[in-house]
Amino acid sequence: MISSKTHAILDYLVGIILIAAPWILGFADDSAATVTPVLIGVSTLLYSILTNYEYSIAKVIPYKIHLTIDFVAGFLLMVSPWLFGFSDRIYLPHVILGAFEIVAVLLSRKATSTVHTPKQI
């Protein structure tokens, strides 16, 4: 099982990898093939910063909701080559990274290591 601490670290790494993947793997252009992983990567970083788990800044989003968002993002990334019509050009990075996100969710503990209470304003 993946602890919430490890999951948090993976979130930040995956977010950065998703943003960089089009340039690293040579499919960077202005098409959906590039935009999809970049947007999912940026959103992953943003909702990770807001998740109620270790290594976040503003503990607003419940961890279980975060895991649901991760699962949906992974699924969207996996099907994006066919959904947005670029599977004839590139699909493997999207499928592999999307599947990784889904597997990480399925292997993650569904509770954080410690309880974090959001600060009241």
PDB file of N, CA and C in Angstrom:
ATOM      1  N   MET A   1       0.829  -1.190   0.000  1.00  0.00           N
ATOM      2  CA  MET A   1       0.000   0.000   0.000  1.00  0.00           C
ATOM      3  C   MET A   1       0.875   1.256   0.000  1.00  0.00           C
ATOM      4  N   ILE A   2       0.397   2.283  -0.652  1.00  0.00           N
ATOM      5  CA  ILE A   2       1.093   3.558  -0.728  1.00  0.00           C
ATOM      6  C   ILE A   2       0.540   4.474   0.361  1.00  0.00           C
ATOM      7  N   SER A   3       1.422   4.988   1.206  1.00  0.00           N
ATOM      8  CA  SER A   3       0.987   5.906   2.271  1.00  0.00           C
ATOM      9  C   SER A   3       0.592   7.248   1.649  1.00  0.00           C
ATOM     10  N   SER A   4      -0.144   8.035   2.423  1.00  0.00           N
ATOM     11  CA  SER A   4      -0.539   9.353   1.931  1.00  0.00           C
ATOM     12  C   SER A   4       0.684  10.256   1.733  1.00  0.00           C
ATOM     13  N   LYS A   5       1.723  10.070   2.537  1.00  0.00           N
ATOM     14  CA  LYS A   5       2.954  10.844   2.360  1.00  0.00           C
ATOM     15  C   LYS A   5       3.605  10.519   1.014  1.00  0.00           C
ATOM     16  N   THR A   6       3.719   9.234   0.725  1.00  0.00           N
ATOM     17  CA  THR A   6       4.295   8.811  -0.555  1.00  0.00           C
ATOM     18  C   THR A   6       3.414   9.257  -1.710  1.00  0.00           C
ATOM     19  N   HIS A   7       2.097   9.156  -1.525  1.00  0.00           N
ATOM     20  CA  HIS A   7       1.161   9.576  -2.567  1.00  0.00           C
ATOM     21  C   HIS A   7       1.341  11.067  -2.864  1.00  0.00           C
ATOM     22  N   ALA A   8       1.527  11.871  -1.809  1.00  0.00           N
ATOM     23  CA  ALA A   8       1.724  13.313  -1.994  1.00  0.00           C
ATOM     24  C   ALA A   8       2.974  13.576  -2.843  1.00  0.00           C
ATOM     25  N   ILE A   9       4.052  12.887  -2.530  1.00  0.00           N
ATOM     26  CA  ILE A   9       5.290  13.048  -3.300  1.00  0.00           C
ATOM     27  C   ILE A   9       5.062  12.645  -4.755  1.00  0.00           C
ATOM     28  N   LEU A  10       4.376  11.517  -4.954  1.00  0.00           N
ATOM     29  CA  LEU A  10       4.073  11.062  -6.318  1.00  0.00           C
ATOM     30  C   LEU A  10       3.234  12.092  -7.069  1.00  0.00           C
ATOM     31  N   ASP A  11       2.277  12.717  -6.381  1.00  0.00           N
ATOM     32  CA  ASP A  11       1.435  13.727  -7.035  1.00  0.00           C
ATOM     33  C   ASP A  11       2.274  14.848  -7.626  1.00  0.00           C
ATOM     34  N   TYR A  12       3.201  15.375  -6.825  1.00  0.00           N
ATOM     35  CA  TYR A  12       4.031  16.475  -7.317  1.00  0.00           C
ATOM     36  C   TYR A  12       4.948  16.017  -8.454  1.00  0.00           C
ATOM     37  N   LEU A  13       5.521  14.826  -8.333  1.00  0.00           N
ATOM     38  CA  LEU A  13       6.378  14.295  -9.406  1.00  0.00           C
ATOM     39  C   LEU A  13       5.596  14.063 -10.687  1.00  0.00           C
ATOM     40  N   VAL A  14       4.429  13.440 -10.563  1.00  0.00           N
ATOM     41  CA  VAL A  14       3.604  13.160 -11.745  1.00  0.00           C
ATOM     42  C   VAL A  14       3.146  14.462 -12.389  1.00  0.00           C
ATOM     43  N   GLY A  15       2.762  15.446 -11.583  1.00  0.00           N
ATOM     44  CA  GLY A  15       2.362  16.733 -12.138  1.00  0.00           C
ATOM     45  C   GLY A  15       3.464  17.344 -12.988  1.00  0.00           C
ATOM     46  N   ILE A  16       4.676  17.335 -12.473  1.00  0.00           N
ATOM     47  CA  ILE A  16       5.823  17.887 -13.200  1.00  0.00           C
ATOM     48  C   ILE A  16       6.120  17.059 -14.457  1.00  0.00           C
ATOM     49  N   ILE A  17       6.072  15.745 -14.324  1.00  0.00           N
ATOM     50  CA  ILE A  17       6.326  14.873 -15.482  1.00  0.00           C
ATOM     51  C   ILE A  17       5.290  15.106 -16.575  1.00  0.00           C
ATOM     52  N   LEU A  18       4.011  15.239 -16.178  1.00  0.00           N
ATOM     53  CA  LEU A  18       2.955  15.474 -17.172  1.00  0.00           C
ATOM     54  C   LEU A  18       3.177  16.794 -17.913  1.00  0.00           C
ATOM     55  N   ILE A  19       3.596  17.811 -17.196  1.00  0.00           N
ATOM     56  CA  ILE A  19       3.840  19.110 -17.834  1.00  0.00           C
ATOM     57  C   ILE A  19       5.028  19.022 -18.790  1.00  0.00           C
ATOM     58  N   ALA A  20       6.056  18.306 -18.416  1.00  0.00           N
ATOM     59  CA  ALA A  20       7.281  18.224 -19.225  1.00  0.00           C
ATOM     60  C   ALA A  20       7.227  17.171 -20.333  1.00  0.00           C
ATOM     61  N   ALA A  21       6.378  16.175 -20.197  1.00  0.00           N
ATOM     62  CA  ALA A  21       6.366  15.022 -21.121  1.00  0.00           C
ATOM     63  C   ALA A  21       6.317  15.394 -22.599  1.00  0.00           C
ATOM     64  N   PRO A  22       5.459  16.320 -23.027  1.00  0.00           N
ATOM     65  CA  PRO A  22       5.425  16.614 -24.469  1.00  0.00           C
ATOM     66  C   PRO A  22       6.774  17.064 -25.028  1.00  0.00           C
ATOM     67  N   TRP A  23       7.545  17.808 -24.246  1.00  0.00           N
ATOM     68  CA  TRP A  23       8.848  18.288 -24.726  1.00  0.00           C
ATOM     69  C   TRP A  23       9.911  17.205 -24.589  1.00  0.00           C
ATOM     70  N   ILE A  24       9.867  16.470 -23.510  1.00  0.00           N
ATOM     71  CA  ILE A  24      10.843  15.400 -23.301  1.00  0.00           C
ATOM     72  C   ILE A  24      10.668  14.289 -24.329  1.00  0.00           C
ATOM     73  N   LEU A  25       9.413  13.959 -24.629  1.00  0.00           N
ATOM     74  CA  LEU A  25       9.125  12.840 -25.526  1.00  0.00           C
ATOM     75  C   LEU A  25       8.889  13.263 -26.974  1.00  0.00           C
ATOM     76  N   GLY A  26       9.005  14.543 -27.267  1.00  0.00           N
ATOM     77  CA  GLY A  26       8.985  15.013 -28.652  1.00  0.00           C
ATOM     78  C   GLY A  26       7.625  15.112 -29.310  1.00  0.00           C
ATOM     79  N   PHE A  27       6.559  15.368 -28.566  1.00  0.00           N
ATOM     80  CA  PHE A  27       5.262  15.565 -29.211  1.00  0.00           C
ATOM     81  C   PHE A  27       4.647  16.922 -28.849  1.00  0.00           C
ATOM     82  N   ALA A  28       5.520  17.885 -28.530  1.00  0.00           N
ATOM     83  CA  ALA A  28       5.048  19.220 -28.169  1.00  0.00           C
ATOM     84  C   ALA A  28       4.632  20.006 -29.403  1.00  0.00           C
ATOM     85  N   ASP A  29       3.391  20.394 -29.423  1.00  0.00           N
ATOM     86  CA  ASP A  29       2.837  21.302 -30.421  1.00  0.00           C
ATOM     87  C   ASP A  29       1.620  21.958 -29.762  1.00  0.00           C
ATOM     88  N   ASP A  30       0.787  22.576 -30.505  1.00  0.00           N
ATOM     89  CA  ASP A  30      -0.383  23.234 -29.910  1.00  0.00           C
ATOM     90  C   ASP A  30      -1.629  22.359 -29.964  1.00  0.00           C
ATOM     91  N   SER A  31      -1.459  21.066 -30.136  1.00  0.00           N
ATOM     92  CA  SER A  31      -2.613  20.178 -30.272  1.00  0.00           C
ATOM     93  C   SER A  31      -3.043  19.629 -28.915  1.00  0.00           C
ATOM     94  N   ALA A  32      -4.145  18.913 -28.941  1.00  0.00           N
ATOM     95  CA  ALA A  32      -4.670  18.281 -27.729  1.00  0.00           C
ATOM     96  C   ALA A  32      -3.687  17.271 -27.144  1.00  0.00           C
ATOM     97  N   ALA A  33      -2.817  16.701 -27.972  1.00  0.00           N
ATOM     98  CA  ALA A  33      -1.816  15.748 -27.486  1.00  0.00           C
ATOM     99  C   ALA A  33      -0.881  16.403 -26.479  1.00  0.00           C
ATOM    100  N   THR A  34      -0.600  17.678 -26.665  1.00  0.00           N
ATOM    101  CA  THR A  34       0.254  18.433 -25.741  1.00  0.00           C
ATOM    102  C   THR A  34      -0.555  19.062 -24.620  1.00  0.00           C
ATOM    103  N   VAL A  35      -1.652  19.689 -24.975  1.00  0.00           N
ATOM    104  CA  VAL A  35      -2.446  20.445 -24.012  1.00  0.00           C
ATOM    105  C   VAL A  35      -3.012  19.545 -22.909  1.00  0.00           C
ATOM    106  N   THR A  36      -3.460  18.353 -23.255  1.00  0.00           N
ATOM    107  CA  THR A  36      -4.092  17.466 -22.269  1.00  0.00           C
ATOM    108  C   THR A  36      -3.164  17.120 -21.110  1.00  0.00           C
ATOM    109  N   PRO A  37      -1.971  16.558 -21.345  1.00  0.00           N
ATOM    110  CA  PRO A  37      -1.124  16.251 -20.190  1.00  0.00           C
ATOM    111  C   PRO A  37      -0.662  17.498 -19.431  1.00  0.00           C
ATOM    112  N   VAL A  38      -0.455  18.603 -20.146  1.00  0.00           N
ATOM    113  CA  VAL A  38      -0.024  19.825 -19.476  1.00  0.00           C
ATOM    114  C   VAL A  38      -1.128  20.318 -18.539  1.00  0.00           C
ATOM    115  N   LEU A  39      -2.360  20.371 -19.017  1.00  0.00           N
ATOM    116  CA  LEU A  39      -3.470  20.822 -18.166  1.00  0.00           C
ATOM    117  C   LEU A  39      -3.697  19.878 -16.984  1.00  0.00           C
ATOM    118  N   ILE A  40      -3.622  18.587 -17.230  1.00  0.00           N
ATOM    119  CA  ILE A  40      -3.790  17.632 -16.131  1.00  0.00           C
ATOM    120  C   ILE A  40      -2.628  17.767 -15.142  1.00  0.00           C
ATOM    121  N   GLY A  41      -1.420  17.993 -15.642  1.00  0.00           N
ATOM    122  CA  GLY A  41      -0.269  18.186 -14.758  1.00  0.00           C
ATOM    123  C   GLY A  41      -0.398  19.426 -13.898  1.00  0.00           C
ATOM    124  N   VAL A  42      -0.800  20.537 -14.496  1.00  0.00           N
ATOM    125  CA  VAL A  42      -0.982  21.785 -13.752  1.00  0.00           C
ATOM    126  C   VAL A  42      -2.095  21.616 -12.722  1.00  0.00           C
ATOM    127  N   SER A  43      -3.206  21.013 -13.135  1.00  0.00           N
ATOM    128  CA  SER A  43      -4.315  20.831 -12.187  1.00  0.00           C
ATOM    129  C   SER A  43      -3.917  19.886 -11.059  1.00  0.00           C
ATOM    130  N   THR A  44      -3.131  18.860 -11.360  1.00  0.00           N
ATOM    131  CA  THR A  44      -2.654  17.948 -10.316  1.00  0.00           C
ATOM    132  C   THR A  44      -1.831  18.700  -9.275  1.00  0.00           C
ATOM    133  N   LEU A  45      -0.947  19.565  -9.727  1.00  0.00           N
ATOM    134  CA  LEU A  45      -0.152  20.356  -8.788  1.00  0.00           C
ATOM    135  C   LEU A  45      -1.048  21.266  -7.946  1.00  0.00           C
ATOM    136  N   LEU A  46      -2.035  21.894  -8.579  1.00  0.00           N
ATOM    137  CA  LEU A  46      -2.910  22.815  -7.855  1.00  0.00           C
ATOM    138  C   LEU A  46      -3.763  22.110  -6.809  1.00  0.00           C
ATOM    139  N   TYR A  47      -4.433  21.002  -7.197  1.00  0.00           N
ATOM    140  CA  TYR A  47      -5.282  20.363  -6.193  1.00  0.00           C
ATOM    141  C   TYR A  47      -4.462  19.593  -5.163  1.00  0.00           C
ATOM    142  N   SER A  48      -3.223  19.269  -5.478  1.00  0.00           N
ATOM    143  CA  SER A  48      -2.344  18.654  -4.471  1.00  0.00           C
ATOM    144  C   SER A  48      -1.956  19.668  -3.399  1.00  0.00           C
ATOM    145  N   ILE A  49      -1.704  20.881  -3.817  1.00  0.00           N
ATOM    146  CA  ILE A  49      -1.381  21.947  -2.872  1.00  0.00           C
ATOM    147  C   ILE A  49      -2.555  22.204  -1.918  1.00  0.00           C
ATOM    148  N   LEU A  50      -3.773  21.926  -2.397  1.00  0.00           N
ATOM    149  CA  LEU A  50      -4.982  22.205  -1.612  1.00  0.00           C
ATOM    150  C   LEU A  50      -5.542  20.987  -0.883  1.00  0.00           C
ATOM    151  N   THR A  51      -4.886  19.835  -0.991  1.00  0.00           N
ATOM    152  CA  THR A  51      -5.394  18.603  -0.395  1.00  0.00           C
ATOM    153  C   THR A  51      -5.045  18.505   1.084  1.00  0.00           C
ATOM    154  N   ASN A  52      -5.939  17.912   1.842  1.00  0.00           N
ATOM    155  CA  ASN A  52      -5.726  17.712   3.277  1.00  0.00           C
ATOM    156  C   ASN A  52      -4.874  16.454   3.483  1.00  0.00           C
ATOM    157  N   TYR A  53      -3.568  16.611   3.165  1.00  0.00           N
ATOM    158  CA  TYR A  53      -2.604  15.545   3.405  1.00  0.00           C
ATOM    159  C   TYR A  53      -1.230  16.154   3.601  1.00  0.00           C
ATOM    160  N   GLU A  54      -0.280  15.310   3.886  1.00  0.00           N
ATOM    161  CA  GLU A  54       1.076  15.766   4.123  1.00  0.00           C
ATOM    162  C   GLU A  54       1.609  16.480   2.867  1.00  0.00           C
ATOM    163  N   TYR A  55       2.475  17.450   3.077  1.00  0.00           N
ATOM    164  CA  TYR A  55       3.161  18.179   2.010  1.00  0.00           C
ATOM    165  C   TYR A  55       2.247  19.070   1.174  1.00  0.00           C
ATOM    166  N   SER A  56       1.121  19.502   1.742  1.00  0.00           N
ATOM    167  CA  SER A  56       0.286  20.480   1.045  1.00  0.00           C
ATOM    168  C   SER A  56       0.336  21.801   1.794  1.00  0.00           C
ATOM    169  N   ILE A  57      -0.184  22.817   1.187  1.00  0.00           N
ATOM    170  CA  ILE A  57      -0.138  24.149   1.789  1.00  0.00           C
ATOM    171  C   ILE A  57      -1.454  24.491   2.491  1.00  0.00           C
ATOM    172  N   ALA A  58      -2.553  24.353   1.779  1.00  0.00           N
ATOM    173  CA  ALA A  58      -3.870  24.715   2.324  1.00  0.00           C
ATOM    174  C   ALA A  58      -4.742  23.471   2.356  1.00  0.00           C
ATOM    175  N   LYS A  59      -4.899  22.876   3.457  1.00  0.00           N
ATOM    176  CA  LYS A  59      -5.567  21.585   3.598  1.00  0.00           C
ATOM    177  C   LYS A  59      -7.087  21.742   3.500  1.00  0.00           C
ATOM    178  N   VAL A  60      -7.567  21.927   2.254  1.00  0.00           N
ATOM    179  CA  VAL A  60      -8.965  22.224   1.994  1.00  0.00           C
ATOM    180  C   VAL A  60      -9.714  21.015   1.417  1.00  0.00           C
ATOM    181  N   ILE A  61      -9.121  20.335   0.460  1.00  0.00           N
ATOM    182  CA  ILE A  61      -9.777  19.221  -0.229  1.00  0.00           C
ATOM    183  C   ILE A  61      -9.550  17.943   0.562  1.00  0.00           C
ATOM    184  N   PRO A  62     -10.618  17.210   0.917  1.00  0.00           N
ATOM    185  CA  PRO A  62     -10.437  15.931   1.622  1.00  0.00           C
ATOM    186  C   PRO A  62      -9.617  14.955   0.769  1.00  0.00           C
ATOM    187  N   TYR A  63      -8.801  14.159   1.447  1.00  0.00           N
ATOM    188  CA  TYR A  63      -7.917  13.216   0.753  1.00  0.00           C
ATOM    189  C   TYR A  63      -8.701  12.235  -0.124  1.00  0.00           C
ATOM    190  N   LYS A  64      -9.835  11.756   0.353  1.00  0.00           N
ATOM    191  CA  LYS A  64     -10.625  10.816  -0.454  1.00  0.00           C
ATOM    192  C   LYS A  64     -11.139  11.474  -1.734  1.00  0.00           C
ATOM    193  N   ILE A  65     -11.498  12.747  -1.658  1.00  0.00           N
ATOM    194  CA  ILE A  65     -11.912  13.483  -2.864  1.00  0.00           C
ATOM    195  C   ILE A  65     -10.718  13.628  -3.802  1.00  0.00           C
ATOM    196  N   HIS A  66      -9.559  13.908  -3.243  1.00  0.00           N
ATOM    197  CA  HIS A  66      -8.326  14.004  -4.032  1.00  0.00           C
ATOM    198  C   HIS A  66      -8.092  12.703  -4.813  1.00  0.00           C
ATOM    199  N   LEU A  67      -8.244  11.576  -4.132  1.00  0.00           N
ATOM    200  CA  LEU A  67      -8.041  10.284  -4.804  1.00  0.00           C
ATOM    201  C   LEU A  67      -9.039  10.096  -5.947  1.00  0.00           C
ATOM    202  N   THR A  68     -10.268  10.538  -5.744  1.00  0.00           N
ATOM    203  CA  THR A  68     -11.278  10.449  -6.807  1.00  0.00           C
ATOM    204  C   THR A  68     -10.872  11.313  -7.994  1.00  0.00           C
ATOM    205  N   ILE A  69     -10.396  12.523  -7.722  1.00  0.00           N
ATOM    206  CA  ILE A  69      -9.944  13.404  -8.801  1.00  0.00           C
ATOM    207  C   ILE A  69      -8.764  12.770  -9.533  1.00  0.00           C
ATOM    208  N   ASP A  70      -7.818  12.189  -8.795  1.00  0.00           N
ATOM    209  CA  ASP A  70      -6.688  11.490  -9.415  1.00  0.00           C
ATOM    210  C   ASP A  70      -7.166  10.384 -10.351  1.00  0.00           C
ATOM    211  N   PHE A  71      -8.139   9.603  -9.885  1.00  0.00           N
ATOM    212  CA  PHE A  71      -8.648   8.489 -10.692  1.00  0.00           C
ATOM    213  C   PHE A  71      -9.274   9.012 -11.988  1.00  0.00           C
ATOM    214  N   VAL A  72     -10.115  10.041 -11.876  1.00  0.00           N
ATOM    215  CA  VAL A  72     -10.759  10.624 -13.056  1.00  0.00           C
ATOM    216  C   VAL A  72      -9.719  11.224 -13.999  1.00  0.00           C
ATOM    217  N   ALA A  73      -8.729  11.921 -13.445  1.00  0.00           N
ATOM    218  CA  ALA A  73      -7.671  12.508 -14.271  1.00  0.00           C
ATOM    219  C   ALA A  73      -6.879  11.421 -15.001  1.00  0.00           C
ATOM    220  N   GLY A  74      -6.565  10.334 -14.288  1.00  0.00           N
ATOM    221  CA  GLY A  74      -5.856   9.223 -14.918  1.00  0.00           C
ATOM    222  C   GLY A  74      -6.659   8.595 -16.047  1.00  0.00           C
ATOM    223  N   PHE A  75      -7.949   8.424 -15.808  1.00  0.00           N
ATOM    224  CA  PHE A  75      -8.816   7.843 -16.838  1.00  0.00           C
ATOM    225  C   PHE A  75      -8.908   8.776 -18.047  1.00  0.00           C
ATOM    226  N   LEU A  76      -9.096  10.072 -17.779  1.00  0.00           N
ATOM    227  CA  LEU A  76      -9.164  11.039 -18.874  1.00  0.00           C
ATOM    228  C   LEU A  76      -7.868  11.041 -19.678  1.00  0.00           C
ATOM    229  N   LEU A  77      -6.744  11.005 -18.996  1.00  0.00           N
ATOM    230  CA  LEU A  77      -5.456  10.977 -19.688  1.00  0.00           C
ATOM    231  C   LEU A  77      -5.322   9.712 -20.536  1.00  0.00           C
ATOM    232  N   MET A  78      -5.756   8.579 -19.984  1.00  0.00           N
ATOM    233  CA  MET A  78      -5.668   7.306 -20.706  1.00  0.00           C
ATOM    234  C   MET A  78      -6.491   7.288 -21.993  1.00  0.00           C
ATOM    235  N   VAL A  79      -7.681   7.845 -21.958  1.00  0.00           N
ATOM    236  CA  VAL A  79      -8.571   7.797 -23.130  1.00  0.00           C
ATOM    237  C   VAL A  79      -8.430   9.019 -24.030  1.00  0.00           C
ATOM    238  N   SER A  80      -7.662  10.025 -23.603  1.00  0.00           N
ATOM    239  CA  SER A  80      -7.563  11.274 -24.358  1.00  0.00           C
ATOM    240  C   SER A  80      -7.104  11.106 -25.809  1.00  0.00           C
ATOM    241  N   PRO A  81      -6.203  10.184 -26.127  1.00  0.00           N
ATOM    242  CA  PRO A  81      -5.817  10.061 -27.545  1.00  0.00           C
ATOM    243  C   PRO A  81      -6.996   9.724 -28.460  1.00  0.00           C
ATOM    244  N   TRP A  82      -7.930   8.946 -27.981  1.00  0.00           N
ATOM    245  CA  TRP A  82      -9.092   8.572 -28.780  1.00  0.00           C
ATOM    246  C   TRP A  82     -10.216   9.588 -28.610  1.00  0.00           C
ATOM    247  N   LEU A  83     -10.349  10.122 -27.421  1.00  0.00           N
ATOM    248  CA  LEU A  83     -11.387  11.105 -27.141  1.00  0.00           C
ATOM    249  C   LEU A  83     -11.155  12.390 -27.935  1.00  0.00           C
ATOM    250  N   PHE A  84      -9.894  12.816 -28.042  1.00  0.00           N
ATOM    251  CA  PHE A  84      -9.572  14.064 -28.721  1.00  0.00           C
ATOM    252  C   PHE A  84      -8.960  13.866 -30.108  1.00  0.00           C
ATOM    253  N   GLY A  85      -8.887  12.616 -30.565  1.00  0.00           N
ATOM    254  CA  GLY A  85      -8.531  12.328 -31.950  1.00  0.00           C
ATOM    255  C   GLY A  85      -7.073  12.448 -32.345  1.00  0.00           C
ATOM    256  N   PHE A  86      -6.160  12.147 -31.449  1.00  0.00           N
ATOM    257  CA  PHE A  86      -4.747  12.186 -31.844  1.00  0.00           C
ATOM    258  C   PHE A  86      -4.067  10.825 -31.683  1.00  0.00           C
ATOM    259  N   SER A  87      -4.838   9.761 -31.554  1.00  0.00           N
ATOM    260  CA  SER A  87      -4.266   8.421 -31.340  1.00  0.00           C
ATOM    261  C   SER A  87      -3.439   7.927 -32.525  1.00  0.00           C
ATOM    262  N   ASP A  88      -3.669   8.484 -33.706  1.00  0.00           N
ATOM    263  CA  ASP A  88      -2.884   8.080 -34.869  1.00  0.00           C
ATOM    264  C   ASP A  88      -1.466   8.651 -34.819  1.00  0.00           C
ATOM    265  N   ARG A  89      -1.244   9.690 -34.004  1.00  0.00           N
ATOM    266  CA  ARG A  89       0.063  10.324 -33.878  1.00  0.00           C
ATOM    267  C   ARG A  89       0.826   9.870 -32.639  1.00  0.00           C
ATOM    268  N   ILE A  90       0.131   9.903 -31.487  1.00  0.00           N
ATOM    269  CA  ILE A  90       0.775   9.575 -30.215  1.00  0.00           C
ATOM    270  C   ILE A  90      -0.302   9.099 -29.234  1.00  0.00           C
ATOM    271  N   TYR A  91       0.018   8.058 -28.503  1.00  0.00           N
ATOM    272  CA  TYR A  91      -0.943   7.606 -27.487  1.00  0.00           C
ATOM    273  C   TYR A  91      -0.270   6.936 -26.289  1.00  0.00           C
ATOM    274  N   LEU A  92       0.880   6.310 -26.498  1.00  0.00           N
ATOM    275  CA  LEU A  92       1.501   5.515 -25.440  1.00  0.00           C
ATOM    276  C   LEU A  92       1.835   6.304 -24.167  1.00  0.00           C
ATOM    277  N   PRO A  93       2.423   7.509 -24.253  1.00  0.00           N
ATOM    278  CA  PRO A  93       2.698   8.238 -23.006  1.00  0.00           C
ATOM    279  C   PRO A  93       1.428   8.544 -22.215  1.00  0.00           C
ATOM    280  N   HIS A  94       0.365   8.875 -22.920  1.00  0.00           N
ATOM    281  CA  HIS A  94      -0.906   9.199 -22.268  1.00  0.00           C
ATOM    282  C   HIS A  94      -1.482   7.966 -21.571  1.00  0.00           C
ATOM    283  N   VAL A  95      -1.416   6.840 -22.244  1.00  0.00           N
ATOM    284  CA  VAL A  95      -1.950   5.596 -21.677  1.00  0.00           C
ATOM    285  C   VAL A  95      -1.113   5.158 -20.470  1.00  0.00           C
ATOM    286  N   ILE A  96       0.198   5.182 -20.606  1.00  0.00           N
ATOM    287  CA  ILE A  96       1.074   4.730 -19.519  1.00  0.00           C
ATOM    288  C   ILE A  96       0.934   5.626 -18.290  1.00  0.00           C
ATOM    289  N   LEU A  97       1.003   6.945 -18.478  1.00  0.00           N
ATOM    290  CA  LEU A  97       0.895   7.854 -17.333  1.00  0.00           C
ATOM    291  C   LEU A  97      -0.500   7.833 -16.723  1.00  0.00           C
ATOM    292  N   GLY A  98      -1.521   7.709 -17.558  1.00  0.00           N
ATOM    293  CA  GLY A  98      -2.889   7.601 -17.037  1.00  0.00           C
ATOM    294  C   GLY A  98      -3.084   6.328 -16.239  1.00  0.00           C
ATOM    295  N   ALA A  99      -2.569   5.225 -16.745  1.00  0.00           N
ATOM    296  CA  ALA A  99      -2.661   3.950 -16.024  1.00  0.00           C
ATOM    297  C   ALA A  99      -1.880   4.017 -14.713  1.00  0.00           C
ATOM    298  N   PHE A 100      -0.725   4.668 -14.726  1.00  0.00           N
ATOM    299  CA  PHE A 100       0.059   4.840 -13.503  1.00  0.00           C
ATOM    300  C   PHE A 100      -0.757   5.580 -12.448  1.00  0.00           C
ATOM    301  N   GLU A 101      -1.441   6.649 -12.847  1.00  0.00           N
ATOM    302  CA  GLU A 101      -2.263   7.403 -11.897  1.00  0.00           C
ATOM    303  C   GLU A 101      -3.360   6.524 -11.300  1.00  0.00           C
ATOM    304  N   ILE A 102      -4.007   5.749 -12.125  1.00  0.00           N
ATOM    305  CA  ILE A 102      -5.094   4.884 -11.644  1.00  0.00           C
ATOM    306  C   ILE A 102      -4.554   3.829 -10.685  1.00  0.00           C
ATOM    307  N   VAL A 103      -3.452   3.197 -11.041  1.00  0.00           N
ATOM    308  CA  VAL A 103      -2.852   2.171 -10.174  1.00  0.00           C
ATOM    309  C   VAL A 103      -2.412   2.797  -8.847  1.00  0.00           C
ATOM    310  N   ALA A 104      -1.843   3.995  -8.900  1.00  0.00           N
ATOM    311  CA  ALA A 104      -1.427   4.671  -7.663  1.00  0.00           C
ATOM    312  C   ALA A 104      -2.619   4.914  -6.750  1.00  0.00           C
ATOM    313  N   VAL A 105      -3.757   5.299  -7.311  1.00  0.00           N
ATOM    314  CA  VAL A 105      -4.969   5.503  -6.506  1.00  0.00           C
ATOM    315  C   VAL A 105      -5.413   4.179  -5.885  1.00  0.00           C
ATOM    316  N   LEU A 106      -5.441   3.133  -6.700  1.00  0.00           N
ATOM    317  CA  LEU A 106      -5.918   1.833  -6.212  1.00  0.00           C
ATOM    318  C   LEU A 106      -5.015   1.254  -5.126  1.00  0.00           C
ATOM    319  N   LEU A 107      -3.723   1.587  -5.166  1.00  0.00           N
ATOM    320  CA  LEU A 107      -2.782   1.067  -4.176  1.00  0.00           C
ATOM    321  C   LEU A 107      -2.591   1.989  -2.968  1.00  0.00           C
ATOM    322  N   SER A 108      -3.197   3.169  -3.009  1.00  0.00           N
ATOM    323  CA  SER A 108      -3.026   4.131  -1.919  1.00  0.00           C
ATOM    324  C   SER A 108      -3.981   3.846  -0.768  1.00  0.00           C
ATOM    325  N   ARG A 109      -3.476   4.046   0.437  1.00  0.00           N
ATOM    326  CA  ARG A 109      -4.341   3.993   1.616  1.00  0.00           C
ATOM    327  C   ARG A 109      -5.369   5.086   1.481  1.00  0.00           C
ATOM    328  N   LYS A 110      -6.565   4.819   1.960  1.00  0.00           N
ATOM    329  CA  LYS A 110      -7.654   5.780   1.783  1.00  0.00           C
ATOM    330  C   LYS A 110      -7.752   6.790   2.921  1.00  0.00           C
ATOM    331  N   ALA A 111      -6.780   6.786   3.817  1.00  0.00           N
ATOM    332  CA  ALA A 111      -6.736   7.758   4.912  1.00  0.00           C
ATOM    333  C   ALA A 111      -5.320   8.283   5.033  1.00  0.00           C
ATOM    334  N   THR A 112      -5.186   9.512   5.515  1.00  0.00           N
ATOM    335  CA  THR A 112      -3.864  10.083   5.696  1.00  0.00           C
ATOM    336  C   THR A 112      -3.203   9.494   6.927  1.00  0.00           C
ATOM    337  N   SER A 113      -1.894   9.640   6.981  1.00  0.00           N
ATOM    338  CA  SER A 113      -1.127   9.127   8.114  1.00  0.00           C
ATOM    339  C   SER A 113      -1.474   9.844   9.404  1.00  0.00           C
ATOM    340  N   THR A 114      -1.756  11.125   9.299  1.00  0.00           N
ATOM    341  CA  THR A 114      -2.158  11.902  10.458  1.00  0.00           C
ATOM    342  C   THR A 114      -3.380  12.718  10.075  1.00  0.00           C
ATOM    343  N   VAL A 115      -4.160  13.087  11.070  1.00  0.00           N
ATOM    344  CA  VAL A 115      -5.363  13.868  10.818  1.00  0.00           C
ATOM    345  C   VAL A 115      -4.989  15.341  10.784  1.00  0.00           C
ATOM    346  N   HIS A 116      -5.411  16.019   9.727  1.00  0.00           N
ATOM    347  CA  HIS A 116      -5.161  17.446   9.593  1.00  0.00           C
ATOM    348  C   HIS A 116      -6.499  18.165   9.648  1.00  0.00           C
ATOM    349  N   THR A 117      -6.609  19.123  10.529  1.00  0.00           N
ATOM    350  CA  THR A 117      -7.825  19.897  10.639  1.00  0.00           C
ATOM    351  C   THR A 117      -7.597  21.242   9.963  1.00  0.00           C
ATOM    352  N   PRO A 118      -8.433  21.575   8.961  1.00  0.00           N
ATOM    353  CA  PRO A 118      -8.264  22.878   8.306  1.00  0.00           C
ATOM    354  C   PRO A 118      -8.453  24.009   9.318  1.00  0.00           C
ATOM    355  N   LYS A 119      -7.659  25.057   9.157  1.00  0.00           N
ATOM    356  CA  LYS A 119      -7.768  26.203  10.046  1.00  0.00           C
ATOM    357  C   LYS A 119      -9.060  26.972   9.755  1.00  0.00           C
ATOM    358  N   GLN A 120      -9.725  27.369  10.804  1.00  0.00           N
ATOM    359  CA  GLN A 120     -10.934  28.167  10.675  1.00  0.00           C
ATOM    360  C   GLN A 120     -10.564  29.633  10.559  1.00  0.00           C
ATOM    361  N   ILE A 121     -11.261  30.326   9.710  1.00  0.00           N
ATOM    362  CA  ILE A 121     -10.992  31.756   9.537  1.00  0.00           C
ATOM    363  C   ILE A 121     -11.922  32.544  10.423  1.00  0.00           C
TER     364      ILE A 121
END
